Amino acid sequence: MGAMFKVLLPGTYDPPTNGHLNILRRASRLFEAVQVVIAVNPSKSYLFSAEERLAMMTEMAAGLSNVSVSTWNGLIVDFADRVGIHVIVRGVRALADFDYEFELSLMNRSLNPRIETIFLPTDQKYSVIRSSAIKDIAGFGGDISGMVPPNVAKALKEKLGSRAAHSAAGIEETRAP
């Protein structure tokens, strides 16, 4: 099968999706080891804390013996140097993703010429899944069970419970006196 090597799988994972899980499982079959890196940017606002995202991704990676999960609050190229892994795997859903990811890969290489990026196209059934859309659907009490693993669906329900229950009540009626 040729040379096996270790790869980084970075992302915000806010929240992790079935699409993320699909890429993670496929990468774990393709490579010797996969280091999931959860981005923590203090200037960004996240629905889930770094600890919550770490717990969800760790649970999703259970059973994949060659996968480890950690958080990082800096440039991915600096993390790569720290752990000695210089290949990044990124899942891409469509052309818009590819444009963005291609620019990101060029930027990473300009920051660190040792960095290589490999793109894994997502399975078609996950091509429309976006973390941002999932948060919106869950916030309105919609069914997200086909989009995220059970542990993530539970966490979203707990996090957005009161908001979802409120919006599920529907339109508030106001009557003129």
C-alpha atoms as a PDB file:
ATOM      1  CA  MET A   1       0.000   0.000   0.000  1.00  0.00           C
ATOM      2  CA  GLY A   2       3.001   2.330   0.019  1.00  0.00           C
ATOM      3  CA  ALA A   3       4.216   4.666   2.709  1.00  0.00           C
ATOM      4  CA  MET A   4       1.796   5.296   5.532  1.00  0.00           C
ATOM      5  CA  PHE A   5       1.996   8.551   7.408  1.00  0.00           C
ATOM      6  CA  LYS A   6       0.382  10.692  10.065  1.00  0.00           C
ATOM      7  CA  VAL A   7      -2.036  13.492   9.260  1.00  0.00           C
ATOM      8  CA  LEU A   8      -3.754  16.412  10.954  1.00  0.00           C
ATOM      9  CA  LEU A   9      -7.526  16.855  10.668  1.00  0.00           C
ATOM     10  CA  PRO A  10      -8.170  20.424  11.839  1.00  0.00           C
ATOM     11  CA  GLY A  11     -11.522  22.158  12.248  1.00  0.00           C
ATOM     12  CA  THR A  12     -13.740  24.103  14.607  1.00  0.00           C
ATOM     13  CA  TYR A  13     -16.204  21.188  14.987  1.00  0.00           C
ATOM     14  CA  ASP A  14     -18.905  23.496  16.381  1.00  0.00           C
ATOM     15  CA  PRO A  15     -20.736  21.153  16.400  1.00  0.00           C
ATOM     16  CA  PRO A  16     -19.191  18.014  14.903  1.00  0.00           C
ATOM     17  CA  THR A  17     -21.388  16.478  12.170  1.00  0.00           C
ATOM     18  CA  ASN A  18     -21.893  13.132  10.438  1.00  0.00           C
ATOM     19  CA  GLY A  19     -19.890  14.661   7.582  1.00  0.00           C
ATOM     20  CA  HIS A  20     -16.953  15.229   9.961  1.00  0.00           C
ATOM     21  CA  LEU A  21     -17.330  11.676  11.259  1.00  0.00           C
ATOM     22  CA  ASN A  22     -17.323  10.313   7.700  1.00  0.00           C
ATOM     23  CA  ILE A  23     -14.072  12.145   6.840  1.00  0.00           C
ATOM     24  CA  LEU A  24     -12.546  11.059  10.180  1.00  0.00           C
ATOM     25  CA  ARG A  25     -13.370   7.375   9.610  1.00  0.00           C
ATOM     26  CA  ARG A  26     -12.086   7.443   6.040  1.00  0.00           C
ATOM     27  CA  ALA A  27      -8.868   9.239   7.051  1.00  0.00           C
ATOM     28  CA  SER A  28      -8.314   6.702   9.852  1.00  0.00           C
ATOM     29  CA  ARG A  29      -8.447   3.902   7.243  1.00  0.00           C
ATOM     30  CA  LEU A  30      -6.111   5.722   4.840  1.00  0.00           C
ATOM     31  CA  PHE A  31      -3.416   6.918   7.223  1.00  0.00           C
ATOM     32  CA  GLU A  32      -1.238   5.472   9.981  1.00  0.00           C
ATOM     33  CA  ALA A  33      -2.497   8.030  12.497  1.00  0.00           C
ATOM     34  CA  VAL A  34      -4.969  10.916  12.501  1.00  0.00           C
ATOM     35  CA  GLN A  35      -4.569  13.838  14.896  1.00  0.00           C
ATOM     36  CA  VAL A  36      -7.860  15.758  15.137  1.00  0.00           C
ATOM     37  CA  VAL A  37      -7.133  19.385  16.019  1.00  0.00           C
ATOM     38  CA  ILE A  38     -10.016  21.464  17.351  1.00  0.00           C
ATOM     39  CA  ALA A  39      -9.464  25.156  16.630  1.00  0.00           C
ATOM     40  CA  VAL A  40      -9.872  27.502  19.579  1.00  0.00           C
ATOM     41  CA  ASN A  41      -9.855  31.147  18.512  1.00  0.00           C
ATOM     42  CA  PRO A  42     -10.460  33.551  21.416  1.00  0.00           C
ATOM     43  CA  SER A  43     -11.813  36.203  19.006  1.00  0.00           C
ATOM     44  CA  LYS A  44     -14.470  33.832  17.625  1.00  0.00           C
ATOM     45  CA  SER A  45     -17.701  32.963  19.381  1.00  0.00           C
ATOM     46  CA  TYR A  46     -18.639  29.293  19.511  1.00  0.00           C
ATOM     47  CA  LEU A  47     -21.861  27.565  20.540  1.00  0.00           C
ATOM     48  CA  PHE A  48     -19.838  24.869  22.326  1.00  0.00           C
ATOM     49  CA  SER A  49     -16.785  25.453  24.493  1.00  0.00           C
ATOM     50  CA  ALA A  50     -13.428  23.941  23.536  1.00  0.00           C
ATOM     51  CA  GLU A  51     -13.930  21.336  26.299  1.00  0.00           C
ATOM     52  CA  GLU A  52     -17.391  20.385  24.992  1.00  0.00           C
ATOM     53  CA  ARG A  53     -16.138  20.064  21.410  1.00  0.00           C
ATOM     54  CA  LEU A  54     -13.165  18.008  22.646  1.00  0.00           C
ATOM     55  CA  ALA A  55     -15.511  15.670  24.562  1.00  0.00           C
ATOM     56  CA  MET A  56     -17.843  15.218  21.552  1.00  0.00           C
ATOM     57  CA  MET A  57     -14.986  14.552  19.105  1.00  0.00           C
ATOM     58  CA  THR A  58     -13.271  12.171  21.547  1.00  0.00           C
ATOM     59  CA  GLU A  59     -16.523  10.208  21.867  1.00  0.00           C
ATOM     60  CA  MET A  60     -16.926  10.166  18.066  1.00  0.00           C
ATOM     61  CA  ALA A  61     -13.355   8.869  17.673  1.00  0.00           C
ATOM     62  CA  ALA A  62     -13.910   6.039  20.179  1.00  0.00           C
ATOM     63  CA  GLY A  63     -13.178   2.753  18.451  1.00  0.00           C
ATOM     64  CA  LEU A  64     -10.716   4.342  16.022  1.00  0.00           C
ATOM     65  CA  SER A  65      -7.473   3.287  17.695  1.00  0.00           C
ATOM     66  CA  ASN A  66      -5.241   5.421  15.469  1.00  0.00           C
ATOM     67  CA  VAL A  67      -7.101   8.694  16.141  1.00  0.00           C
ATOM     68  CA  SER A  68      -6.274  11.229  18.841  1.00  0.00           C
ATOM     69  CA  VAL A  69      -8.052  14.502  19.570  1.00  0.00           C
ATOM     70  CA  SER A  70      -6.717  17.766  20.983  1.00  0.00           C
ATOM     71  CA  THR A  71      -7.448  21.489  21.028  1.00  0.00           C
ATOM     72  CA  TRP A  72      -5.167  24.284  19.797  1.00  0.00           C
ATOM     73  CA  ASN A  73      -5.439  28.041  20.111  1.00  0.00           C
ATOM     74  CA  GLY A  74      -2.922  29.098  17.480  1.00  0.00           C
ATOM     75  CA  LEU A  75      -1.961  28.644  13.857  1.00  0.00           C
ATOM     76  CA  ILE A  76      -2.335  25.067  12.589  1.00  0.00           C
ATOM     77  CA  VAL A  77       1.157  25.292  11.054  1.00  0.00           C
ATOM     78  CA  ASP A  78       2.587  25.909  14.538  1.00  0.00           C
ATOM     79  CA  PHE A  79       0.700  22.882  15.887  1.00  0.00           C
ATOM     80  CA  ALA A  80       2.066  20.860  12.948  1.00  0.00           C
ATOM     81  CA  ASP A  81       5.634  21.816  13.878  1.00  0.00           C
ATOM     82  CA  ARG A  82       5.013  21.044  17.547  1.00  0.00           C
ATOM     83  CA  VAL A  83       3.760  17.498  16.859  1.00  0.00           C
ATOM     84  CA  GLY A  84       5.949  16.822  13.810  1.00  0.00           C
ATOM     85  CA  ILE A  85       3.069  16.148  11.400  1.00  0.00           C
ATOM     86  CA  HIS A  86       3.094  18.190   8.202  1.00  0.00           C
ATOM     87  CA  VAL A  87       0.179  16.764   6.217  1.00  0.00           C
ATOM     88  CA  ILE A  88      -3.268  18.296   6.665  1.00  0.00           C
ATOM     89  CA  VAL A  89      -6.440  16.518   5.518  1.00  0.00           C
ATOM     90  CA  ARG A  90      -9.457  18.664   4.720  1.00  0.00           C
ATOM     91  CA  GLY A  91     -12.908  17.479   3.716  1.00  0.00           C
ATOM     92  CA  VAL A  92     -14.486  19.367   0.826  1.00  0.00           C
ATOM     93  CA  ARG A  93     -18.185  19.356  -0.017  1.00  0.00           C
ATOM     94  CA  ALA A  94     -18.375  21.411  -3.205  1.00  0.00           C
ATOM     95  CA  LEU A  95     -16.629  23.935  -5.398  1.00  0.00           C
ATOM     96  CA  ALA A  96     -17.200  26.784  -2.919  1.00  0.00           C
ATOM     97  CA  ASP A  97     -15.474  24.697  -0.232  1.00  0.00           C
ATOM     98  CA  PHE A  98     -12.658  23.897  -2.629  1.00  0.00           C
ATOM     99  CA  ASP A  99     -11.997  27.586  -3.407  1.00  0.00           C
ATOM    100  CA  TYR A 100     -11.788  28.412   0.291  1.00  0.00           C
ATOM    101  CA  GLU A 101      -9.746  25.328   1.196  1.00  0.00           C
ATOM    102  CA  PHE A 102      -7.372  25.842  -1.741  1.00  0.00           C
ATOM    103  CA  GLU A 103      -6.637  29.417  -0.584  1.00  0.00           C
ATOM    104  CA  LEU A 104      -6.186  28.173   2.987  1.00  0.00           C
ATOM    105  CA  SER A 105      -3.734  25.494   1.824  1.00  0.00           C
ATOM    106  CA  LEU A 106      -1.690  28.117  -0.070  1.00  0.00           C
ATOM    107  CA  MET A 107      -1.647  30.364   3.003  1.00  0.00           C
ATOM    108  CA  ASN A 108      -0.522  27.464   5.223  1.00  0.00           C
ATOM    109  CA  ARG A 109       2.275  26.635   2.770  1.00  0.00           C
ATOM    110  CA  SER A 110       3.392  30.262   2.701  1.00  0.00           C
ATOM    111  CA  LEU A 111       3.545  30.217   6.516  1.00  0.00           C
ATOM    112  CA  ASN A 112       5.334  26.843   6.537  1.00  0.00           C
ATOM    113  CA  PRO A 113       6.664  25.371   3.243  1.00  0.00           C
ATOM    114  CA  ARG A 114       6.754  21.858   4.809  1.00  0.00           C
ATOM    115  CA  ILE A 115       2.944  21.777   5.054  1.00  0.00           C
ATOM    116  CA  GLU A 116       1.068  19.685   2.478  1.00  0.00           C
ATOM    117  CA  THR A 117      -2.729  19.541   2.218  1.00  0.00           C
ATOM    118  CA  ILE A 118      -4.789  16.597   0.975  1.00  0.00           C
ATOM    119  CA  PHE A 119      -8.451  17.127   0.057  1.00  0.00           C
ATOM    120  CA  LEU A 120     -10.964  14.340   0.684  1.00  0.00           C
ATOM    121  CA  PRO A 121     -14.271  14.867  -1.093  1.00  0.00           C
ATOM    122  CA  THR A 122     -17.200  14.249   1.205  1.00  0.00           C
ATOM    123  CA  ASP A 123     -19.681  11.447   0.561  1.00  0.00           C
ATOM    124  CA  GLN A 124     -22.593  12.891  -1.422  1.00  0.00           C
ATOM    125  CA  LYS A 125     -25.121  12.243   1.345  1.00  0.00           C
ATOM    126  CA  TYR A 126     -23.183  14.636   3.623  1.00  0.00           C
ATOM    127  CA  SER A 127     -22.569  17.311   0.986  1.00  0.00           C
ATOM    128  CA  VAL A 128     -25.207  19.716   2.292  1.00  0.00           C
ATOM    129  CA  ILE A 129     -24.437  19.345   5.995  1.00  0.00           C
ATOM    130  CA  ARG A 130     -23.020  22.530   7.534  1.00  0.00           C
ATOM    131  CA  SER A 131     -22.455  23.093  11.244  1.00  0.00           C
ATOM    132  CA  SER A 132     -24.014  26.575  10.985  1.00  0.00           C
ATOM    133  CA  ALA A 133     -27.216  25.236   9.377  1.00  0.00           C
ATOM    134  CA  ILE A 134     -27.442  22.444  11.956  1.00  0.00           C
ATOM    135  CA  LYS A 135     -27.299  24.998  14.793  1.00  0.00           C
ATOM    136  CA  ASP A 136     -30.113  26.974  13.129  1.00  0.00           C
ATOM    137  CA  ILE A 137     -32.298  23.889  12.582  1.00  0.00           C
ATOM    138  CA  ALA A 138     -31.707  22.648  16.140  1.00  0.00           C
ATOM    139  CA  GLY A 139     -32.445  26.128  17.490  1.00  0.00           C
ATOM    140  CA  PHE A 140     -35.876  26.002  15.879  1.00  0.00           C
ATOM    141  CA  GLY A 141     -36.539  22.502  17.222  1.00  0.00           C
ATOM    142  CA  GLY A 142     -36.024  20.769  13.853  1.00  0.00           C
ATOM    143  CA  ASP A 143     -34.930  17.156  13.382  1.00  0.00           C
ATOM    144  CA  ILE A 144     -31.130  16.951  13.125  1.00  0.00           C
ATOM    145  CA  SER A 145     -30.823  13.221  13.917  1.00  0.00           C
ATOM    146  CA  GLY A 146     -29.633  12.373  10.392  1.00  0.00           C
ATOM    147  CA  MET A 147     -27.005  15.125  10.389  1.00  0.00           C
ATOM    148  CA  VAL A 148     -25.092  14.580  13.623  1.00  0.00           C
ATOM    149  CA  PRO A 149     -24.082  11.599  15.787  1.00  0.00           C
ATOM    150  CA  PRO A 150     -26.393  10.865  18.766  1.00  0.00           C
ATOM    151  CA  ASN A 151     -23.992  12.392  21.326  1.00  0.00           C
ATOM    152  CA  VAL A 152     -23.958  15.675  19.375  1.00  0.00           C
ATOM    153  CA  ALA A 153     -27.758  15.690  18.944  1.00  0.00           C
ATOM    154  CA  LYS A 154     -28.080  15.269  22.724  1.00  0.00           C
ATOM    155  CA  ALA A 155     -25.584  18.078  23.402  1.00  0.00           C
ATOM    156  CA  LEU A 156     -27.378  20.403  20.967  1.00  0.00           C
ATOM    157  CA  LYS A 157     -30.724  19.634  22.584  1.00  0.00           C
ATOM    158  CA  GLU A 158     -29.287  20.402  26.025  1.00  0.00           C
ATOM    159  CA  LYS A 159     -27.554  23.578  24.812  1.00  0.00           C
ATOM    160  CA  LEU A 160     -30.479  24.908  22.772  1.00  0.00           C
ATOM    161  CA  GLY A 161     -33.301  23.270  24.737  1.00  0.00           C
ATOM    162  CA  SER A 162     -35.006  26.353  26.063  1.00  0.00           C
ATOM    163  CA  ARG A 163     -34.535  28.204  22.770  1.00  0.00           C
ATOM    164  CA  ALA A 164     -35.873  25.226  20.768  1.00  0.00           C
ATOM    165  CA  ALA A 165     -38.852  24.749  23.098  1.00  0.00           C
ATOM    166  CA  HIS A 166     -39.631  28.452  22.840  1.00  0.00           C
ATOM    167  CA  SER A 167     -39.529  28.496  19.039  1.00  0.00           C
ATOM    168  CA  ALA A 168     -41.494  25.229  18.817  1.00  0.00           C
ATOM    169  CA  ALA A 169     -44.372  27.056  20.511  1.00  0.00           C
ATOM    170  CA  GLY A 170     -44.711  28.908  17.223  1.00  0.00           C
ATOM    171  CA  ILE A 171     -45.846  32.407  16.484  1.00  0.00           C
ATOM    172  CA  GLU A 172     -46.977  34.418  19.453  1.00  0.00           C
ATOM    173  CA  GLU A 173     -50.439  35.752  18.896  1.00  0.00           C
ATOM    174  CA  THR A 174     -51.229  39.319  19.712  1.00  0.00           C
ATOM    175  CA  ARG A 175     -54.810  40.528  19.786  1.00  0.00           C
ATOM    176  CA  ALA A 176     -55.885  44.095  19.448  1.00  0.00           C
ATOM    177  CA  PRO A 177     -57.869  45.321  22.480  1.00  0.00           C
END
